[in-house]
Amino acid sequence: MIEYNQIENFLAGKTTSGPMPSRVDIDLTNVCNQDCFYCNSAEFREKFLVSGPTPFYYRLIDQLYAWKKTNPNHTGGINEVVFTGGGEPTVHKDYHKIVEYCIDKNFKVQIITNGSKLQKLVDYLPQEKIKNINWIGVDIDDYENKKVFEVTDQMQTMIENFSVKYNVKYNLNLARSTPRTYTKCHQMFLYPIFASNGDALVCCEGRGQKQFSIGNWMKTDVRKLWYNEKHMEVYNNTDVSLCPPCTPNKWNNAIQSLLQKS
């Protein structure tokens, strides 16, 4: 659950302590076994072709799990951990171990993948733990015609029918098409990205762009980076009119609506 009210209270000056992130993205690697024409991390991979060391991810997950011990005044809680990134997460040699470690900490685990190496989860994880993976998002883009898969009304109806027929929940992310009503990116206090090169980022489209980094999560306790001077600087100085449409678009619109009412 995104803590809209908690971030609105902080940004409106109603509280002096803001919320901890509601969701985090963890990039296990920016190595990829595909070459998608629309990839927003192609330039990042050219500079940093790297997979993060497994022990660093265990430490990161421990810090996220025990966030309140360092920042007891922060409200809310971390609900979701998404394994995604500047590459294909399942390419990391220990991705199944890191996913299992995260499940054992009772996070809602999610994976965004091209689906090519998911068999490792089936081979190594107990079935009861696999059931605790909240969802797995698989790309279904049109590679032959080199265009992002278009979700038409007819296609949405077909997916809904399959969902009912096979009793499988689905979610179509159409947030990018929603008009922007905000002038600042409020989600920067709700949704950090921990990149495989060590950058702690507050922009989901900003991998490899130092202007969106608030520190190095491999060298620093991530809980000490939240609301630091750099964090506030990035929030105040980012011109969202220059940003492409992004997934947190709907979150920003919701928070902006609350701010306008306060």
Protein backbone atom coordinates (compact mmCIF):
# COMPACT_ATOMS: atom_id res chain seq x y z
CA MET A 1 0.00 0.00 0.00
CA ILE A 2 1.37 3.40 -0.97
CA GLU A 3 1.29 5.75 2.03
CA TYR A 4 -0.24 8.74 0.22
CA ASN A 5 -1.48 10.48 3.37
CA GLN A 6 1.80 10.09 5.23
CA ILE A 7 3.89 11.65 2.48
CA GLU A 8 1.26 14.39 2.01
CA ASN A 9 1.46 15.24 5.72
CA PHE A 10 5.26 15.44 5.52
CA LEU A 11 5.38 17.54 2.36
CA ALA A 12 2.66 19.87 3.66
CA GLY A 13 4.63 20.44 6.87
CA LYS A 14 2.05 18.78 9.11
CA THR A 15 4.69 16.37 10.45
CA THR A 16 8.45 16.67 10.86
CA SER A 17 9.20 13.01 10.18
CA GLY A 18 8.31 11.41 6.88
CA PRO A 19 7.47 7.83 5.97
CA MET A 20 9.90 5.09 5.13
CA PRO A 21 9.62 3.73 1.57
CA SER A 22 6.49 1.72 0.79
CA ARG A 23 8.20 -0.17 -2.01
CA VAL A 24 11.81 -0.72 -3.07
CA ASP A 25 13.28 -1.96 -6.33
CA ILE A 26 16.41 -4.07 -6.08
CA ASP A 27 18.55 -4.53 -9.19
CA LEU A 28 20.53 -7.75 -8.91
CA THR A 29 22.34 -7.09 -12.17
CA ASN A 30 22.26 -4.91 -15.24
CA VAL A 31 23.47 -7.78 -17.41
CA CYS A 32 20.73 -8.92 -19.77
CA ASN A 33 20.24 -11.87 -22.12
CA GLN A 34 18.01 -9.85 -24.43
CA ASP A 35 18.36 -6.59 -26.34
CA CYS A 36 14.99 -4.84 -26.07
CA PHE A 37 14.67 -1.85 -28.39
CA TYR A 38 12.83 0.21 -25.75
CA CYS A 39 15.16 -0.49 -22.80
CA ASN A 40 15.74 2.57 -20.60
CA SER A 41 19.00 1.11 -19.23
CA ALA A 42 20.96 0.54 -22.45
CA GLU A 43 23.33 3.45 -21.79
CA PHE A 44 23.72 2.36 -18.16
CA ARG A 45 24.85 -1.12 -19.26
CA GLU A 46 27.42 0.40 -21.59
CA LYS A 47 29.07 2.11 -18.59
CA PHE A 48 28.45 -0.47 -15.84
CA LEU A 49 28.06 -4.10 -16.87
CA VAL A 50 27.95 -5.61 -13.41
CA SER A 51 26.15 -8.01 -11.08
CA GLY A 52 26.07 -7.06 -7.41
CA PRO A 53 27.80 -9.32 -4.84
CA THR A 54 25.34 -11.62 -3.08
CA PRO A 55 26.39 -10.71 0.51
CA PHE A 56 25.60 -7.05 -0.16
CA TYR A 57 22.02 -7.96 -1.03
CA TYR A 58 21.62 -9.97 2.17
CA ARG A 59 22.83 -6.95 4.14
CA LEU A 60 20.53 -4.61 2.22
CA ILE A 61 17.49 -6.80 2.92
CA ASP A 62 18.47 -6.94 6.61
CA GLN A 63 18.59 -3.13 6.72
CA LEU A 64 15.19 -2.83 5.06
CA TYR A 65 13.75 -5.38 7.48
CA ALA A 66 15.11 -3.56 10.55
CA TRP A 67 14.51 -0.01 9.28
CA LYS A 68 12.71 1.14 12.44
CA LYS A 69 15.73 0.34 14.61
CA THR A 70 17.70 3.12 12.94
CA ASN A 71 14.82 5.51 12.20
CA PRO A 72 12.10 4.89 14.82
CA ASN A 73 10.30 8.16 13.96
CA HIS A 74 9.70 7.20 10.35
CA THR A 75 6.08 6.25 9.76
CA GLY A 76 4.65 3.53 7.56
CA GLY A 77 6.44 0.38 6.52
CA ILE A 78 8.14 -1.32 3.60
CA ASN A 79 5.51 -3.54 2.01
CA GLU A 80 6.98 -4.62 -1.31
CA VAL A 81 10.38 -5.64 -2.62
CA VAL A 82 10.57 -5.83 -6.41
CA PHE A 83 13.47 -7.57 -8.14
CA THR A 84 13.85 -5.81 -11.46
CA GLY A 85 16.52 -3.57 -12.85
CA GLY A 86 18.82 -2.37 -15.52
CA GLY A 87 19.11 -5.95 -16.71
CA GLU A 88 17.45 -9.35 -16.33
CA PRO A 89 17.32 -10.21 -12.59
CA THR A 90 17.28 -13.96 -13.16
CA VAL A 91 20.70 -13.76 -14.86
CA HIS A 92 22.29 -13.22 -11.42
CA LYS A 93 23.80 -16.56 -10.37
CA ASP A 94 22.26 -16.39 -6.88
CA TYR A 95 18.97 -14.69 -7.68
CA HIS A 96 16.95 -17.61 -6.31
CA LYS A 97 18.85 -17.48 -3.00
CA ILE A 98 18.35 -13.72 -2.65
CA VAL A 99 14.65 -14.04 -3.48
CA GLU A 100 14.31 -16.79 -0.87
CA TYR A 101 16.12 -14.68 1.73
CA CYS A 102 13.67 -11.85 1.08
CA ILE A 103 10.68 -14.19 1.37
CA ASP A 104 12.03 -15.40 4.71
CA LYS A 105 11.91 -11.78 5.94
CA ASN A 106 8.17 -11.75 5.12
CA PHE A 107 8.36 -9.09 2.42
CA LYS A 108 5.88 -9.15 -0.45
CA VAL A 109 8.28 -10.29 -3.16
CA GLN A 110 7.71 -9.45 -6.81
CA ILE A 111 9.82 -10.11 -9.90
CA ILE A 112 9.88 -8.31 -13.25
CA THR A 113 11.52 -10.55 -15.82
CA ASN A 114 11.62 -11.69 -19.43
CA GLY A 115 10.79 -15.16 -18.10
CA SER A 116 13.73 -16.97 -19.66
CA LYS A 117 15.33 -18.28 -16.45
CA LEU A 118 12.46 -18.72 -14.00
CA GLN A 119 12.99 -22.50 -13.90
CA LYS A 120 15.65 -21.97 -11.24
CA LEU A 121 12.96 -20.91 -8.78
CA VAL A 122 11.08 -24.16 -9.40
CA ASP A 123 14.24 -26.25 -9.10
CA TYR A 124 15.62 -24.72 -5.90
CA LEU A 125 12.81 -23.15 -3.85
CA PRO A 126 10.26 -25.16 -1.85
CA GLN A 127 6.79 -24.87 -3.32
CA GLU A 128 5.40 -23.16 -0.22
CA LYS A 129 7.97 -20.37 -0.64
CA ILE A 130 7.25 -19.96 -4.34
CA LYS A 131 3.60 -19.42 -3.40
CA ASN A 132 4.72 -16.48 -1.27
CA ILE A 133 5.94 -14.59 -4.34
CA ASN A 134 3.26 -11.93 -4.72
CA TRP A 135 3.50 -11.68 -8.49
CA ILE A 136 5.84 -12.17 -11.45
CA GLY A 137 5.59 -9.66 -14.29
CA VAL A 138 6.66 -10.94 -17.73
CA ASP A 139 7.20 -8.70 -20.76
CA ILE A 140 4.91 -9.40 -23.71
CA ASP A 141 6.14 -6.77 -26.14
CA ASP A 142 6.08 -7.01 -29.92
CA TYR A 143 9.69 -7.67 -30.90
CA GLU A 144 8.96 -8.47 -34.53
CA ASN A 145 7.49 -5.04 -35.22
CA LYS A 146 9.68 -3.32 -32.63
CA LYS A 147 6.93 -1.64 -30.65
CA VAL A 148 5.65 -1.77 -27.11
CA PHE A 149 2.68 -4.10 -26.80
CA GLU A 150 -0.53 -2.06 -27.17
CA VAL A 151 -3.28 -2.94 -24.70
CA THR A 152 -6.47 -2.36 -26.69
CA ASP A 153 -9.96 -2.64 -25.23
CA GLN A 154 -10.31 -5.97 -27.03
CA MET A 155 -7.03 -7.23 -25.58
CA GLN A 156 -8.01 -6.11 -22.07
CA THR A 157 -11.31 -7.99 -22.36
CA MET A 158 -9.48 -11.12 -23.50
CA ILE A 159 -7.07 -10.93 -20.53
CA GLU A 160 -10.00 -10.44 -18.15
CA ASN A 161 -11.73 -13.51 -19.60
CA PHE A 162 -8.60 -15.63 -19.22
CA SER A 163 -8.25 -14.39 -15.64
CA VAL A 164 -11.74 -15.64 -14.82
CA LYS A 165 -11.35 -18.89 -16.76
CA TYR A 166 -8.06 -19.92 -15.13
CA ASN A 167 -8.59 -18.18 -11.77
CA VAL A 168 -5.36 -16.17 -12.12
CA LYS A 169 -5.26 -12.56 -10.95
CA TYR A 170 -3.86 -9.98 -13.35
CA ASN A 171 -2.88 -6.32 -13.34
CA LEU A 172 -2.47 -4.12 -16.39
CA ASN A 173 -0.20 -1.18 -15.71
CA LEU A 174 -1.71 1.72 -17.64
CA ALA A 175 -0.35 4.42 -15.32
CA ARG A 176 2.02 5.92 -17.89
CA SER A 177 -0.86 7.13 -20.03
CA THR A 178 -2.47 9.17 -17.23
CA PRO A 179 -2.04 12.97 -17.61
CA ARG A 180 0.49 14.52 -15.21
CA THR A 181 -0.96 16.94 -12.61
CA TYR A 182 2.15 17.53 -10.46
CA THR A 183 5.26 19.71 -10.74
CA LYS A 184 7.44 17.74 -8.30
CA CYS A 185 8.13 14.03 -8.10
CA HIS A 186 6.67 13.22 -4.68
CA GLN A 187 7.29 9.49 -5.06
CA MET A 188 10.98 10.17 -4.44
CA PHE A 189 10.13 9.63 -0.77
CA LEU A 190 8.30 6.36 -1.35
CA TYR A 191 10.13 4.35 -3.96
CA PRO A 192 13.95 3.97 -4.01
CA ILE A 193 15.89 1.89 -6.50
CA PHE A 194 19.05 0.09 -5.41
CA ALA A 195 21.07 -0.35 -8.58
CA SER A 196 23.60 -3.09 -9.19
CA ASN A 197 26.50 -0.59 -9.36
CA GLY A 198 25.75 0.66 -5.82
CA ASP A 199 23.67 3.75 -6.63
CA ALA A 200 20.69 4.42 -4.35
CA LEU A 201 18.33 6.18 -6.73
CA VAL A 202 15.04 8.03 -6.27
CA CYS A 203 14.02 7.86 -9.94
CA CYS A 204 12.90 4.60 -11.57
CA GLU A 205 14.06 5.88 -14.97
CA GLY A 206 17.37 7.24 -13.68
CA ARG A 207 19.72 4.27 -13.63
CA GLY A 208 23.23 5.47 -14.37
CA GLN A 209 22.27 9.13 -13.88
CA LYS A 210 24.11 10.51 -10.86
CA GLN A 211 21.72 13.45 -10.48
CA PHE A 212 19.15 10.97 -9.12
CA SER A 213 21.51 9.19 -6.72
CA ILE A 214 21.35 9.99 -2.98
CA GLY A 215 24.33 7.80 -2.07
CA ASN A 216 25.93 4.38 -2.41
CA TRP A 217 23.93 1.61 -0.76
CA MET A 218 26.85 -0.83 -0.86
CA LYS A 219 29.04 1.52 1.18
CA THR A 220 26.45 3.09 3.50
CA ASP A 221 23.53 2.01 5.63
CA VAL A 222 20.59 2.87 3.33
CA ARG A 223 18.49 3.99 6.30
CA LYS A 224 20.90 6.89 6.85
CA LEU A 225 20.48 8.06 3.25
CA TRP A 226 16.72 8.60 3.54
CA TYR A 227 15.87 12.31 3.90
CA ASN A 228 19.54 13.28 3.84
CA GLU A 229 20.61 16.58 2.30
CA LYS A 230 21.18 15.03 -1.10
CA HIS A 231 17.75 13.43 -1.04
CA MET A 232 16.02 16.78 -0.50
CA GLU A 233 18.25 18.42 -3.10
CA VAL A 234 17.24 15.92 -5.80
CA TYR A 235 13.54 16.34 -4.94
CA ASN A 236 13.65 20.14 -5.05
CA ASN A 237 15.80 20.47 -8.18
CA THR A 238 14.27 17.86 -10.50
CA ASP A 239 12.21 19.34 -13.35
CA VAL A 240 9.49 16.74 -13.95
CA SER A 241 8.41 18.44 -17.18
CA LEU A 242 11.56 16.93 -18.71
CA CYS A 243 10.77 13.41 -17.45
CA PRO A 244 9.24 10.66 -19.61
CA PRO A 245 5.97 9.02 -18.46
CA CYS A 246 6.72 6.55 -15.66
CA THR A 247 5.07 3.94 -13.45
CA PRO A 248 4.80 6.17 -10.32
CA ASN A 249 2.82 8.70 -12.36
CA LYS A 250 -0.45 7.63 -10.68
CA TRP A 251 1.12 7.87 -7.21
CA ASN A 252 2.32 11.41 -7.88
CA ASN A 253 -1.13 12.42 -9.13
CA ALA A 254 -2.75 10.98 -5.99
CA ILE A 255 -0.34 12.77 -3.65
CA GLN A 256 -0.68 16.03 -5.57
CA SER A 257 -4.46 15.82 -5.21
CA LEU A 258 -4.11 15.50 -1.44
CA LEU A 259 -1.66 18.40 -1.28
CA GLN A 260 -4.06 20.65 -3.16
CA LYS A 261 -6.82 19.83 -0.68
CA SER A 262 -4.66 20.43 2.43
